[in-house]
């Protein structure tokens, strides 16, 4: 397993997002949420879009990204 802080501890990782997994292309300590701009430590990354190749900080950010992309049907609340 790769050390989380291998190389520069503040460098952004480059990741290829796959179904149910991801592949580190360039080692780094974190990625940046596509919706919030918050840093996500690589070892805490749980949400991403394979289609858009974007990481998300949490389920709410992931859902909002799906809505913005028009990937979910309009739902009444």
PDB file of N, CA and C in Angstrom:
ATOM      1  N   UNK A   1       0.848  -1.192   0.000  1.00  0.00           N
ATOM      2  CA  UNK A   1       0.000   0.000   0.000  1.00  0.00           C
ATOM      3  C   UNK A   1       0.884   1.243   0.000  1.00  0.00           C
ATOM      4  N   UNK A   2       0.476   2.230  -0.751  1.00  0.00           N
ATOM      5  CA  UNK A   2       1.241   3.461  -0.871  1.00  0.00           C
ATOM      6  C   UNK A   2       1.057   4.318   0.376  1.00  0.00           C
ATOM      7  N   UNK A   3       2.148   4.889   0.852  1.00  0.00           N
ATOM      8  CA  UNK A   3       2.079   5.809   1.973  1.00  0.00           C
ATOM      9  C   UNK A   3       1.309   7.041   1.538  1.00  0.00           C
ATOM     10  N   UNK A   4       0.352   7.440   2.348  1.00  0.00           N
ATOM     11  CA  UNK A   4      -0.494   8.591   2.038  1.00  0.00           C
ATOM     12  C   UNK A   4       0.326   9.852   1.801  1.00  0.00           C
ATOM     13  N   UNK A   5       1.434   9.992   2.493  1.00  0.00           N
ATOM     14  CA  UNK A   5       2.228  11.209   2.393  1.00  0.00           C
ATOM     15  C   UNK A   5       3.482  11.030   1.556  1.00  0.00           C
ATOM     16  N   UNK A   6       3.485  10.032   0.684  1.00  0.00           N
ATOM     17  CA  UNK A   6       4.615   9.837  -0.208  1.00  0.00           C
ATOM     18  C   UNK A   6       4.755  11.064  -1.100  1.00  0.00           C
ATOM     19  N   UNK A   7       5.958  11.532  -1.275  1.00  0.00           N
ATOM     20  CA  UNK A   7       6.162  12.752  -2.061  1.00  0.00           C
ATOM     21  C   UNK A   7       5.760  13.959  -1.235  1.00  0.00           C
ATOM     22  N   UNK A   8       5.240  14.975  -1.861  1.00  0.00           N
ATOM     23  CA  UNK A   8       4.831  16.196  -1.165  1.00  0.00           C
ATOM     24  C   UNK A   8       3.512  15.969  -0.431  1.00  0.00           C
ATOM     25  N   UNK A   9       3.464  16.241   0.858  1.00  0.00           N
ATOM     26  CA  UNK A   9       2.236  16.002   1.612  1.00  0.00           C
ATOM     27  C   UNK A   9       1.081  16.921   1.217  1.00  0.00           C
ATOM     28  N   UNK A  10       1.387  18.012   0.538  1.00  0.00           N
ATOM     29  CA  UNK A  10       0.301  18.927   0.173  1.00  0.00           C
ATOM     30  C   UNK A  10      -0.034  18.878  -1.322  1.00  0.00           C
ATOM     31  N   UNK A  11       0.532  17.918  -2.027  1.00  0.00           N
ATOM     32  CA  UNK A  11       0.293  17.828  -3.470  1.00  0.00           C
ATOM     33  C   UNK A  11      -1.048  17.146  -3.754  1.00  0.00           C
ATOM     34  N   UNK A  12      -1.755  17.680  -4.759  1.00  0.00           N
ATOM     35  CA  UNK A  12      -3.020  17.082  -5.171  1.00  0.00           C
ATOM     36  C   UNK A  12      -2.744  15.827  -5.993  1.00  0.00           C
ATOM     37  N   UNK A  13      -3.423  14.751  -5.649  1.00  0.00           N
ATOM     38  CA  UNK A  13      -3.290  13.496  -6.389  1.00  0.00           C
ATOM     39  C   UNK A  13      -4.077  13.594  -7.693  1.00  0.00           C
ATOM     40  N   UNK A  14      -3.622  12.870  -8.692  1.00  0.00           N
ATOM     41  CA  UNK A  14      -4.367  12.730  -9.948  1.00  0.00           C
ATOM     42  C   UNK A  14      -4.894  11.298  -9.961  1.00  0.00           C
ATOM     43  N   UNK A  15      -6.206  11.174 -10.145  1.00  0.00           N
ATOM     44  CA  UNK A  15      -6.857   9.872 -10.003  1.00  0.00           C
ATOM     45  C   UNK A  15      -7.757   9.582 -11.192  1.00  0.00           C
ATOM     46  N   UNK A  16      -7.763   8.316 -11.611  1.00  0.00           N
ATOM     47  CA  UNK A  16      -8.710   7.834 -12.623  1.00  0.00           C
ATOM     48  C   UNK A  16      -9.812   7.119 -11.846  1.00  0.00           C
ATOM     49  N   UNK A  17     -11.048   7.603 -11.986  1.00  0.00           N
ATOM     50  CA  UNK A  17     -12.181   7.058 -11.241  1.00  0.00           C
ATOM     51  C   UNK A  17     -12.832   5.932 -12.028  1.00  0.00           C
ATOM     52  N   UNK A  18     -12.959   4.781 -11.375  1.00  0.00           N
ATOM     53  CA  UNK A  18     -13.518   3.572 -11.979  1.00  0.00           C
ATOM     54  C   UNK A  18     -14.782   3.170 -11.227  1.00  0.00           C
ATOM     55  N   UNK A  19     -15.506   2.198 -11.754  1.00  0.00           N
ATOM     56  CA  UNK A  19     -16.682   1.669 -11.050  1.00  0.00           C
ATOM     57  C   UNK A  19     -16.239   0.967  -9.783  1.00  0.00           C
ATOM     58  N   UNK A  20     -16.596   1.526  -8.626  1.00  0.00           N
ATOM     59  CA  UNK A  20     -16.301   0.893  -7.344  1.00  0.00           C
ATOM     60  C   UNK A  20     -14.857   0.968  -6.896  1.00  0.00           C
ATOM     61  N   UNK A  21     -14.007   1.649  -7.623  1.00  0.00           N
ATOM     62  CA  UNK A  21     -12.595   1.738  -7.272  1.00  0.00           C
ATOM     63  C   UNK A  21     -11.995   2.946  -7.983  1.00  0.00           C
ATOM     64  N   UNK A  22     -10.752   3.248  -7.659  1.00  0.00           N
ATOM     65  CA  UNK A  22     -10.047   4.298  -8.382  1.00  0.00           C
ATOM     66  C   UNK A  22      -8.586   3.921  -8.503  1.00  0.00           C
ATOM     67  N   UNK A  23      -7.914   4.539  -9.441  1.00  0.00           N
ATOM     68  CA  UNK A  23      -6.522   4.251  -9.743  1.00  0.00           C
ATOM     69  C   UNK A  23      -5.727   5.554  -9.585  1.00  0.00           C
ATOM     70  N   UNK A  24      -4.690   5.523  -8.764  1.00  0.00           N
ATOM     71  CA  UNK A  24      -3.866   6.705  -8.574  1.00  0.00           C
ATOM     72  C   UNK A  24      -2.900   6.826  -9.741  1.00  0.00           C
ATOM     73  N   UNK A  25      -3.011   7.921 -10.482  1.00  0.00           N
ATOM     74  CA  UNK A  25      -2.177   8.190 -11.639  1.00  0.00           C
ATOM     75  C   UNK A  25      -0.926   8.950 -11.202  1.00  0.00           C
ATOM     76  N   UNK A  26      -1.106   9.907 -10.281  1.00  0.00           N
ATOM     77  CA  UNK A  26      -0.004  10.690  -9.725  1.00  0.00           C
ATOM     78  C   UNK A  26      -0.223  10.783  -8.221  1.00  0.00           C
ATOM     79  N   UNK A  27       0.724  10.279  -7.449  1.00  0.00           N
ATOM     80  CA  UNK A  27       0.588  10.252  -5.993  1.00  0.00           C
ATOM     81  C   UNK A  27       0.454  11.654  -5.418  1.00  0.00           C
ATOM     82  N   UNK A  28      -0.349  11.769  -4.393  1.00  0.00           N
ATOM     83  CA  UNK A  28      -0.552  13.013  -3.675  1.00  0.00           C
ATOM     84  C   UNK A  28      -1.340  12.719  -2.422  1.00  0.00           C
ATOM     85  N   UNK A  29      -1.510  13.719  -1.586  1.00  0.00           N
ATOM     86  CA  UNK A  29      -2.186  13.513  -0.306  1.00  0.00           C
ATOM     87  C   UNK A  29      -3.701  13.666  -0.391  1.00  0.00           C
ATOM     88  N   UNK A  30      -4.188  14.364  -1.438  1.00  0.00           N
ATOM     89  CA  UNK A  30      -5.611  14.688  -1.491  1.00  0.00           C
ATOM     90  C   UNK A  30      -6.082  14.946  -2.920  1.00  0.00           C
ATOM     91  N   UNK A  31      -7.406  15.025  -3.053  1.00  0.00           N
ATOM     92  CA  UNK A  31      -8.047  15.510  -4.274  1.00  0.00           C
ATOM     93  C   UNK A  31      -8.989  16.632  -3.831  1.00  0.00           C
ATOM     94  N   UNK A  32      -9.520  17.395  -4.778  1.00  0.00           N
ATOM     95  CA  UNK A  32     -10.391  18.522  -4.447  1.00  0.00           C
ATOM     96  C   UNK A  32     -11.809  18.228  -4.932  1.00  0.00           C
ATOM     97  N   UNK A  33     -12.779  18.370  -4.023  1.00  0.00           N
ATOM     98  CA  UNK A  33     -14.181  18.128  -4.350  1.00  0.00           C
ATOM     99  C   UNK A  33     -14.617  19.042  -5.489  1.00  0.00           C
ATOM    100  N   UNK A  34     -15.223  18.446  -6.508  1.00  0.00           N
ATOM    101  CA  UNK A  34     -15.670  19.192  -7.685  1.00  0.00           C
ATOM    102  C   UNK A  34     -16.823  20.149  -7.362  1.00  0.00           C
ATOM    103  N   UNK A  35     -17.539  19.905  -6.283  1.00  0.00           N
ATOM    104  CA  UNK A  35     -18.685  20.752  -5.939  1.00  0.00           C
ATOM    105  C   UNK A  35     -18.344  21.799  -4.884  1.00  0.00           C
ATOM    106  N   UNK A  36     -17.578  21.433  -3.876  1.00  0.00           N
ATOM    107  CA  UNK A  36     -17.345  22.333  -2.737  1.00  0.00           C
ATOM    108  C   UNK A  36     -15.964  22.980  -2.741  1.00  0.00           C
ATOM    109  N   UNK A  37     -15.015  22.384  -3.471  1.00  0.00           N
ATOM    110  CA  UNK A  37     -13.651  22.894  -3.455  1.00  0.00           C
ATOM    111  C   UNK A  37     -12.858  22.459  -2.234  1.00  0.00           C
ATOM    112  N   UNK A  38     -13.456  21.627  -1.370  1.00  0.00           N
ATOM    113  CA  UNK A  38     -12.766  21.147  -0.169  1.00  0.00           C
ATOM    114  C   UNK A  38     -11.777  20.046  -0.521  1.00  0.00           C
ATOM    115  N   UNK A  39     -10.656  20.038   0.212  1.00  0.00           N
ATOM    116  CA  UNK A  39      -9.667  18.971   0.037  1.00  0.00           C
ATOM    117  C   UNK A  39     -10.198  17.691   0.666  1.00  0.00           C
ATOM    118  N   UNK A  40     -10.002  16.577  -0.027  1.00  0.00           N
ATOM    119  CA  UNK A  40     -10.416  15.259   0.466  1.00  0.00           C
ATOM    120  C   UNK A  40      -9.170  14.395   0.539  1.00  0.00           C
ATOM    121  N   UNK A  41      -8.749  13.978   1.748  1.00  0.00           N
ATOM    122  CA  UNK A  41      -7.603  13.067   1.827  1.00  0.00           C
ATOM    123  C   UNK A  41      -7.883  11.816   0.985  1.00  0.00           C
ATOM    124  N   UNK A  42      -6.894  11.369   0.235  1.00  0.00           N
ATOM    125  CA  UNK A  42      -7.084  10.219  -0.658  1.00  0.00           C
ATOM    126  C   UNK A  42      -7.617   9.005   0.099  1.00  0.00           C
ATOM    127  N   UNK A  43      -7.122   8.784   1.317  1.00  0.00           N
ATOM    128  CA  UNK A  43      -7.591   7.606   2.066  1.00  0.00           C
ATOM    129  C   UNK A  43      -9.011   7.765   2.614  1.00  0.00           C
ATOM    130  N   UNK A  44      -9.626   8.928   2.445  1.00  0.00           N
ATOM    131  CA  UNK A  44     -11.013   9.142   2.867  1.00  0.00           C
ATOM    132  C   UNK A  44     -11.959   9.320   1.680  1.00  0.00           C
ATOM    133  N   UNK A  45     -11.444   9.184   0.466  1.00  0.00           N
ATOM    134  CA  UNK A  45     -12.254   9.362  -0.743  1.00  0.00           C
ATOM    135  C   UNK A  45     -13.258   8.220  -0.886  1.00  0.00           C
ATOM    136  N   UNK A  46     -14.551   8.555  -0.899  1.00  0.00           N
ATOM    137  CA  UNK A  46     -15.607   7.547  -0.999  1.00  0.00           C
ATOM    138  C   UNK A  46     -16.606   7.823  -2.120  1.00  0.00           C
ATOM    139  N   UNK A  47     -16.650   9.064  -2.617  1.00  0.00           N
ATOM    140  CA  UNK A  47     -17.664   9.447  -3.602  1.00  0.00           C
ATOM    141  C   UNK A  47     -17.008  10.067  -4.822  1.00  0.00           C
ATOM    142  N   UNK A  48     -17.430   9.595  -6.013  1.00  0.00           N
ATOM    143  CA  UNK A  48     -16.924  10.163  -7.258  1.00  0.00           C
ATOM    144  C   UNK A  48     -17.847   9.784  -8.400  1.00  0.00           C
ATOM    145  N   UNK A  49     -17.644  10.457  -9.529  1.00  0.00           N
ATOM    146  CA  UNK A  49     -18.400  10.148 -10.744  1.00  0.00           C
ATOM    147  C   UNK A  49     -17.449   9.552 -11.766  1.00  0.00           C
ATOM    148  N   UNK A  50     -17.765   8.358 -12.229  1.00  0.00           N
ATOM    149  CA  UNK A  50     -16.976   7.735 -13.292  1.00  0.00           C
ATOM    150  C   UNK A  50     -17.186   8.511 -14.589  1.00  0.00           C
ATOM    151  N   UNK A  51     -18.436   8.875 -14.879  1.00  0.00           N
ATOM    152  CA  UNK A  51     -18.767   9.566 -16.134  1.00  0.00           C
ATOM    153  C   UNK A  51     -18.076  10.926 -16.235  1.00  0.00           C
ATOM    154  N   UNK A  52     -18.050  11.677 -15.124  1.00  0.00           N
ATOM    155  CA  UNK A  52     -17.461  13.016 -15.161  1.00  0.00           C
ATOM    156  C   UNK A  52     -16.034  13.060 -14.624  1.00  0.00           C
ATOM    157  N   UNK A  53     -15.556  11.919 -14.072  1.00  0.00           N
ATOM    158  CA  UNK A  53     -14.200  11.848 -13.510  1.00  0.00           C
ATOM    159  C   UNK A  53     -13.974  12.957 -12.487  1.00  0.00           C
ATOM    160  N   UNK A  54     -14.919  13.061 -11.526  1.00  0.00           N
ATOM    161  CA  UNK A  54     -14.870  14.073 -10.470  1.00  0.00           C
ATOM    162  C   UNK A  54     -15.014  13.426  -9.098  1.00  0.00           C
ATOM    163  N   UNK A  55     -14.255  13.927  -8.101  1.00  0.00           N
ATOM    164  CA  UNK A  55     -14.429  13.463  -6.723  1.00  0.00           C
ATOM    165  C   UNK A  55     -15.393  14.376  -5.955  1.00  0.00           C
ATOM    166  N   UNK A  56     -16.033  13.820  -4.926  1.00  0.00           N
ATOM    167  CA  UNK A  56     -16.953  14.587  -4.083  1.00  0.00           C
ATOM    168  C   UNK A  56     -16.647  14.314  -2.616  1.00  0.00           C
ATOM    169  N   UNK A  57     -16.821  15.341  -1.796  1.00  0.00           N
ATOM    170  CA  UNK A  57     -16.492  15.252  -0.382  1.00  0.00           C
ATOM    171  C   UNK A  57     -17.467  14.349   0.381  1.00  0.00           C
ATOM    172  N   UNK A  58     -18.728  14.311  -0.059  1.00  0.00           N
ATOM    173  CA  UNK A  58     -19.718  13.492   0.633  1.00  0.00           C
ATOM    174  C   UNK A  58     -20.887  13.154  -0.303  1.00  0.00           C
ATOM    175  N   UNK A  59     -21.843  12.397   0.223  1.00  0.00           N
ATOM    176  CA  UNK A  59     -22.980  11.959  -0.581  1.00  0.00           C
ATOM    177  C   UNK A  59     -23.825  13.140  -1.058  1.00  0.00           C
ATOM    178  N   UNK A  60     -23.962  14.165  -0.230  1.00  0.00           N
ATOM    179  CA  UNK A  60     -24.758  15.334  -0.604  1.00  0.00           C
ATOM    180  C   UNK A  60     -24.133  16.056  -1.804  1.00  0.00           C
ATOM    181  N   UNK A  61     -22.826  16.194  -1.805  1.00  0.00           N
ATOM    182  CA  UNK A  61     -22.132  16.844  -2.928  1.00  0.00           C
ATOM    183  C   UNK A  61     -22.271  15.998  -4.192  1.00  0.00           C
ATOM    184  N   UNK A  62     -22.196  14.692  -4.035  1.00  0.00           N
ATOM    185  CA  UNK A  62     -22.360  13.781  -5.168  1.00  0.00           C
ATOM    186  C   UNK A  62     -23.766  13.890  -5.756  1.00  0.00           C
ATOM    187  N   UNK A  63     -24.765  13.932  -4.893  1.00  0.00           N
ATOM    188  CA  UNK A  63     -26.157  14.056  -5.337  1.00  0.00           C
ATOM    189  C   UNK A  63     -26.370  15.383  -6.058  1.00  0.00           C
ATOM    190  N   UNK A  64     -25.831  16.468  -5.514  1.00  0.00           N
ATOM    191  CA  UNK A  64     -25.974  17.785  -6.140  1.00  0.00           C
ATOM    192  C   UNK A  64     -25.327  17.791  -7.525  1.00  0.00           C
ATOM    193  N   UNK A  65     -24.180  17.133  -7.653  1.00  0.00           N
ATOM    194  CA  UNK A  65     -23.504  17.048  -8.955  1.00  0.00           C
ATOM    195  C   UNK A  65     -24.365  16.274  -9.954  1.00  0.00           C
ATOM    196  N   UNK A  66     -24.994  15.207  -9.502  1.00  0.00           N
ATOM    197  CA  UNK A  66     -25.882  14.425 -10.369  1.00  0.00           C
ATOM    198  C   UNK A  66     -27.057  15.283 -10.838  1.00  0.00           C
ATOM    199  N   UNK A  67     -27.618  16.068  -9.928  1.00  0.00           N
ATOM    200  CA  UNK A  67     -28.739  16.946 -10.280  1.00  0.00           C
ATOM    201  C   UNK A  67     -28.296  17.989 -11.300  1.00  0.00           C
ATOM    202  N   UNK A  68     -27.141  18.620 -11.067  1.00  0.00           N
ATOM    203  CA  UNK A  68     -26.640  19.644 -11.989  1.00  0.00           C
ATOM    204  C   UNK A  68     -26.358  19.075 -13.371  1.00  0.00           C
ATOM    205  N   UNK A  69     -25.924  17.831 -13.408  1.00  0.00           N
ATOM    206  CA  UNK A  69     -25.598  17.193 -14.684  1.00  0.00           C
ATOM    207  C   UNK A  69     -26.850  16.688 -15.399  1.00  0.00           C
ATOM    208  N   UNK A  70     -27.990  16.771 -14.722  1.00  0.00           N
ATOM    209  CA  UNK A  70     -29.228  16.289 -15.311  1.00  0.00           C
ATOM    210  C   UNK A  70     -29.319  14.782 -15.327  1.00  0.00           C
ATOM    211  N   UNK A  71     -28.546  14.137 -14.453  1.00  0.00           N
ATOM    212  CA  UNK A  71     -28.498  12.684 -14.426  1.00  0.00           C
ATOM    213  C   UNK A  71     -29.668  12.082 -13.645  1.00  0.00           C
ATOM    214  N   UNK A  72     -30.350  12.905 -12.857  1.00  0.00           N
ATOM    215  CA  UNK A  72     -31.489  12.409 -12.076  1.00  0.00           C
ATOM    216  C   UNK A  72     -32.763  13.047 -12.608  1.00  0.00           C
ATOM    217  N   UNK A  73     -33.851  12.296 -12.637  1.00  0.00           N
ATOM    218  CA  UNK A  73     -35.124  12.904 -13.054  1.00  0.00           C
ATOM    219  C   UNK A  73     -35.569  13.938 -12.017  1.00  0.00           C
ATOM    220  N   UNK A  74     -36.325  14.938 -12.458  1.00  0.00           N
ATOM    221  CA  UNK A  74     -36.833  15.936 -11.523  1.00  0.00           C
ATOM    222  C   UNK A  74     -37.754  15.235 -10.535  1.00  0.00           C
ATOM    223  N   UNK A  75     -37.522  15.527  -9.256  1.00  0.00           N
ATOM    224  CA  UNK A  75     -38.310  14.895  -8.216  1.00  0.00           C
ATOM    225  C   UNK A  75     -38.999  15.972  -7.396  1.00  0.00           C
ATOM    226  N   UNK A  76     -40.262  15.745  -7.080  1.00  0.00           N
ATOM    227  CA  UNK A  76     -40.978  16.681  -6.213  1.00  0.00           C
ATOM    228  C   UNK A  76     -40.752  16.267  -4.782  1.00  0.00           C
ATOM    229  N   UNK A  77     -40.678  17.271  -3.928  1.00  0.00           N
ATOM    230  CA  UNK A  77     -40.477  16.972  -2.495  1.00  0.00           C
ATOM    231  C   UNK A  77     -41.676  17.424  -1.706  1.00  0.00           C
TER     232      UNK A  77
END
